[in-house]
Amino acid sequence: MSFNGDESLRARLLELSEEHRDLDAAIDALIDARIQDQLKIARLKKRKLALKDQIHQIEIQLTPDIIA
């Protein structure tokens, strides 16, 4: 992978990580609310899990292959 490709992946990784943290905060706020919207919480958790998968895939791409 080229240097520019790595930089673009790192930028995307930062964006996804920030969105993941934001979703975590939103989920916590909804859980703490007196009237809980379980459907909305479930959707946010599903989106958070999808982001985690995307983050993991980018981390794999950024990790160099090391032959033992």
N, C-alpha and C. Protein backbone atom coordinates (compact mmCIF):
# COMPACT_ATOMS: atom_id res chain seq x y z
N MET A 1 0.85 -1.18 0.00
CA MET A 1 0.00 0.00 0.00
C MET A 1 0.89 1.23 0.00
N SER A 2 0.47 2.23 -0.72
CA SER A 2 1.27 3.44 -0.83
C SER A 2 1.13 4.32 0.40
N PHE A 3 2.07 5.26 0.50
CA PHE A 3 2.04 6.18 1.64
C PHE A 3 0.75 6.97 1.66
N ASN A 4 0.31 7.48 0.50
CA ASN A 4 -0.94 8.24 0.43
C ASN A 4 -2.14 7.36 0.79
N GLY A 5 -2.10 6.10 0.38
CA GLY A 5 -3.17 5.18 0.73
C GLY A 5 -3.23 4.95 2.22
N ASP A 6 -2.05 4.82 2.85
CA ASP A 6 -2.01 4.64 4.31
C ASP A 6 -2.57 5.87 5.02
N GLU A 7 -2.19 7.03 4.53
CA GLU A 7 -2.68 8.27 5.16
C GLU A 7 -4.19 8.39 5.03
N SER A 8 -4.72 8.02 3.88
CA SER A 8 -6.17 8.11 3.70
C SER A 8 -6.88 7.08 4.58
N LEU A 9 -6.27 5.89 4.75
CA LEU A 9 -6.86 4.89 5.65
C LEU A 9 -6.81 5.38 7.10
N ARG A 10 -5.71 6.00 7.49
CA ARG A 10 -5.60 6.53 8.86
C ARG A 10 -6.64 7.63 9.11
N ALA A 11 -6.86 8.48 8.11
CA ALA A 11 -7.86 9.54 8.24
C ALA A 11 -9.26 8.92 8.39
N ARG A 12 -9.54 7.91 7.58
CA ARG A 12 -10.83 7.23 7.66
C ARG A 12 -10.99 6.54 9.01
N LEU A 13 -9.90 5.94 9.50
CA LEU A 13 -9.91 5.28 10.80
C LEU A 13 -10.26 6.28 11.90
N LEU A 14 -9.69 7.47 11.84
CA LEU A 14 -10.01 8.51 12.83
C LEU A 14 -11.48 8.91 12.76
N GLU A 15 -12.00 9.06 11.55
CA GLU A 15 -13.41 9.42 11.39
C GLU A 15 -14.32 8.35 11.98
N LEU A 16 -14.03 7.10 11.66
CA LEU A 16 -14.86 6.00 12.16
C LEU A 16 -14.76 5.88 13.68
N SER A 17 -13.57 6.07 14.22
CA SER A 17 -13.39 5.99 15.67
C SER A 17 -14.16 7.09 16.38
N GLU A 18 -14.16 8.27 15.79
CA GLU A 18 -14.91 9.39 16.39
C GLU A 18 -16.41 9.11 16.35
N GLU A 19 -16.88 8.61 15.21
CA GLU A 19 -18.31 8.29 15.11
C GLU A 19 -18.68 7.18 16.10
N HIS A 20 -17.78 6.21 16.28
CA HIS A 20 -18.00 5.12 17.23
C HIS A 20 -18.15 5.67 18.65
N ARG A 21 -17.26 6.61 19.03
CA ARG A 21 -17.35 7.22 20.37
C ARG A 21 -18.63 8.03 20.52
N ASP A 22 -19.02 8.75 19.46
CA ASP A 22 -20.24 9.54 19.50
C ASP A 22 -21.47 8.64 19.69
N LEU A 23 -21.48 7.53 18.98
CA LEU A 23 -22.59 6.59 19.13
C LEU A 23 -22.64 6.02 20.54
N ASP A 24 -21.48 5.74 21.11
CA ASP A 24 -21.41 5.23 22.47
C ASP A 24 -22.03 6.23 23.44
N ALA A 25 -21.70 7.50 23.26
CA ALA A 25 -22.25 8.54 24.13
C ALA A 25 -23.76 8.68 23.92
N ALA A 26 -24.21 8.58 22.67
CA ALA A 26 -25.64 8.68 22.39
C ALA A 26 -26.41 7.51 23.00
N ILE A 27 -25.83 6.33 22.90
CA ILE A 27 -26.48 5.15 23.49
C ILE A 27 -26.57 5.30 25.01
N ASP A 28 -25.48 5.75 25.63
CA ASP A 28 -25.50 5.95 27.08
C ASP A 28 -26.55 6.98 27.48
N ALA A 29 -26.67 8.05 26.70
CA ALA A 29 -27.66 9.09 27.01
C ALA A 29 -29.08 8.53 26.88
N LEU A 30 -29.32 7.73 25.86
CA LEU A 30 -30.66 7.14 25.70
C LEU A 30 -30.97 6.15 26.82
N ILE A 31 -29.99 5.39 27.23
CA ILE A 31 -30.20 4.43 28.31
C ILE A 31 -30.50 5.15 29.62
N ASP A 32 -29.85 6.30 29.84
CA ASP A 32 -30.06 7.06 31.07
C ASP A 32 -31.36 7.85 31.06
N ALA A 33 -31.96 8.04 29.88
CA ALA A 33 -33.21 8.81 29.77
C ALA A 33 -34.34 8.06 30.47
N ARG A 34 -35.28 8.82 30.98
CA ARG A 34 -36.40 8.20 31.70
C ARG A 34 -37.26 7.35 30.77
N ILE A 35 -37.49 7.85 29.56
CA ILE A 35 -38.27 7.10 28.59
C ILE A 35 -37.28 6.54 27.57
N GLN A 36 -37.11 5.24 27.61
CA GLN A 36 -36.13 4.61 26.74
C GLN A 36 -36.78 4.16 25.43
N ASP A 37 -36.11 4.45 24.34
CA ASP A 37 -36.56 4.01 23.02
C ASP A 37 -35.70 2.81 22.64
N GLN A 38 -36.19 1.63 22.96
CA GLN A 38 -35.42 0.40 22.76
C GLN A 38 -35.07 0.16 21.29
N LEU A 39 -35.98 0.50 20.39
CA LEU A 39 -35.72 0.31 18.97
C LEU A 39 -34.57 1.21 18.51
N LYS A 40 -34.59 2.47 18.94
CA LYS A 40 -33.52 3.39 18.58
C LYS A 40 -32.19 2.95 19.17
N ILE A 41 -32.21 2.49 20.41
CA ILE A 41 -30.99 2.00 21.06
C ILE A 41 -30.44 0.80 20.28
N ALA A 42 -31.31 -0.11 19.89
CA ALA A 42 -30.88 -1.29 19.14
C ALA A 42 -30.26 -0.90 17.79
N ARG A 43 -30.87 0.09 17.12
CA ARG A 43 -30.33 0.55 15.83
C ARG A 43 -28.95 1.20 16.01
N LEU A 44 -28.81 1.99 17.06
CA LEU A 44 -27.52 2.63 17.31
C LEU A 44 -26.46 1.59 17.65
N LYS A 45 -26.83 0.59 18.43
CA LYS A 45 -25.88 -0.47 18.76
C LYS A 45 -25.46 -1.25 17.52
N LYS A 46 -26.42 -1.49 16.62
CA LYS A 46 -26.10 -2.19 15.38
C LYS A 46 -25.14 -1.37 14.53
N ARG A 47 -25.38 -0.06 14.44
CA ARG A 47 -24.49 0.82 13.68
C ARG A 47 -23.11 0.85 14.33
N LYS A 48 -23.07 0.89 15.66
CA LYS A 48 -21.80 0.91 16.39
C LYS A 48 -21.00 -0.37 16.10
N LEU A 49 -21.67 -1.49 16.06
CA LEU A 49 -21.01 -2.75 15.77
C LEU A 49 -20.47 -2.77 14.33
N ALA A 50 -21.24 -2.23 13.39
CA ALA A 50 -20.77 -2.15 12.01
C ALA A 50 -19.53 -1.26 11.91
N LEU A 51 -19.52 -0.16 12.65
CA LEU A 51 -18.35 0.72 12.67
C LEU A 51 -17.14 -0.01 13.24
N LYS A 52 -17.37 -0.78 14.30
CA LYS A 52 -16.27 -1.53 14.91
C LYS A 52 -15.67 -2.50 13.89
N ASP A 53 -16.52 -3.15 13.09
CA ASP A 53 -16.03 -4.06 12.06
C ASP A 53 -15.22 -3.31 11.01
N GLN A 54 -15.69 -2.13 10.59
CA GLN A 54 -14.96 -1.33 9.61
C GLN A 54 -13.62 -0.88 10.17
N ILE A 55 -13.61 -0.47 11.42
CA ILE A 55 -12.37 -0.05 12.08
C ILE A 55 -11.38 -1.21 12.09
N HIS A 56 -11.86 -2.38 12.43
CA HIS A 56 -10.99 -3.57 12.49
C HIS A 56 -10.40 -3.88 11.10
N GLN A 57 -11.21 -3.79 10.06
CA GLN A 57 -10.73 -4.06 8.71
C GLN A 57 -9.64 -3.07 8.29
N ILE A 58 -9.81 -1.81 8.63
CA ILE A 58 -8.79 -0.81 8.30
C ILE A 58 -7.52 -1.07 9.09
N GLU A 59 -7.66 -1.42 10.36
CA GLU A 59 -6.48 -1.73 11.18
C GLU A 59 -5.71 -2.91 10.59
N ILE A 60 -6.41 -3.89 10.06
CA ILE A 60 -5.76 -5.03 9.42
C ILE A 60 -4.98 -4.56 8.18
N GLN A 61 -5.59 -3.67 7.40
CA GLN A 61 -4.92 -3.17 6.20
C GLN A 61 -3.68 -2.35 6.55
N LEU A 62 -3.71 -1.67 7.67
CA LEU A 62 -2.58 -0.83 8.06
C LEU A 62 -1.47 -1.62 8.74
N THR A 63 -1.76 -2.82 9.21
CA THR A 63 -0.76 -3.65 9.88
C THR A 63 0.09 -4.36 8.84
N PRO A 64 1.39 -4.16 8.88
CA PRO A 64 2.24 -4.81 7.87
C PRO A 64 2.30 -6.32 8.09
N ASP A 65 2.40 -7.04 6.98
CA ASP A 65 2.55 -8.48 7.06
C ASP A 65 3.97 -8.80 7.49
N ILE A 66 4.09 -9.56 8.55
CA ILE A 66 5.40 -9.95 9.05
C ILE A 66 5.52 -11.46 8.92
N ILE A 67 6.53 -11.89 8.21
CA ILE A 67 6.76 -13.32 8.06
C ILE A 67 7.63 -13.77 9.22
N ALA A 68 7.11 -14.73 9.99
CA ALA A 68 7.84 -15.20 11.17
C ALA A 68 8.93 -16.15 10.81
